[in-house]
């Protein structure tokens, strides 16, 4: 019996590819950049399974082009690139990789917070440029982190991990989410549930950890930035479109907020001529919050496990749309 066919839309850890190869005939897209749309449609024409990334648009058109497709496995915790209604309508289970990147992403978000507050990138670049002539009591001043108020937007798994890390810096926490955390957690991590406006107004640092939905698209724009303290440091390790980039540029340029540190942008990758890249008070890194060896390896193997389960007709452990199994 012939093996099922699989297309993997980017190079992942070899250990995961070996797992898939034991079950299926595998083609891996070799380039660093995503496969162009026309190429992706061609590659899925006769596949049984697809391992996708956030950069791959998996919509009804792609599913039409892949009549044999019976499983989609996404190597990410997000899945906004996938038309879930269409996949579910067609009975295609969609896998994802939740949980495994939670603490690693929180590590990076806190690192970005600290780097922006203490102006680490500016300082390092000044040294490289030969501008370090002397120690001066007024050079590279930034806000203290310890004892400052941390505002967290989105108190899910990653938001809670941020709250845990803030305890070491004795930071009181204000947070906003659609669901309030249990009282015991609020007391344990010194958290106070508040309205969005209150979090924006009273926080010294704001870290964004909401999902990208129609309700959170440009959640932070001119009106919200105007509410923030002029010294606030804004961190985004969630999704780029949660923050309006044009509004953010205006706020940073006019010094109506102190600094921003972004792991994600709108669009991705950010254009090389984007005005945000001209600002000293804005740190931007290339969507690397989950980029530890252990985490990316586990994401790869989890995506492989989801894919294999789908090919075998078994239930995925991590399935976005488990209702397909009720049919």
Foldseek 3Di string as FASTA:
>chain_A
DAAFEEEEFADADVVLVVLLVVGHHYDYDYDPDTDPPVVLLVVQQAGQEYEEELVDQAEPVSCVSRVNHAEYFYLAPDDPSHPVVNCLVVLHWYFYDPDLQQLLLLVVQVVLVVCLQQLVVVVVVCVVVVNCDDDDPPPRHGDDLAQFEEEEEDCDSNVLSNLVVSVVSNHAYEYEDPDDDDPVSCVVSNYDYDDLLCSQQRGQEYEYADADDPVQQQCDAQVSLLNHQLRHEYEYLHEARSHDLVRVLVCQVVSSHRAYEYAYHVPPPDDPPPCLVVGSRYHYHPNCSSPDPVSSNSSSNLSSQSRSCSSVVHDRPGTPCSVSVVD
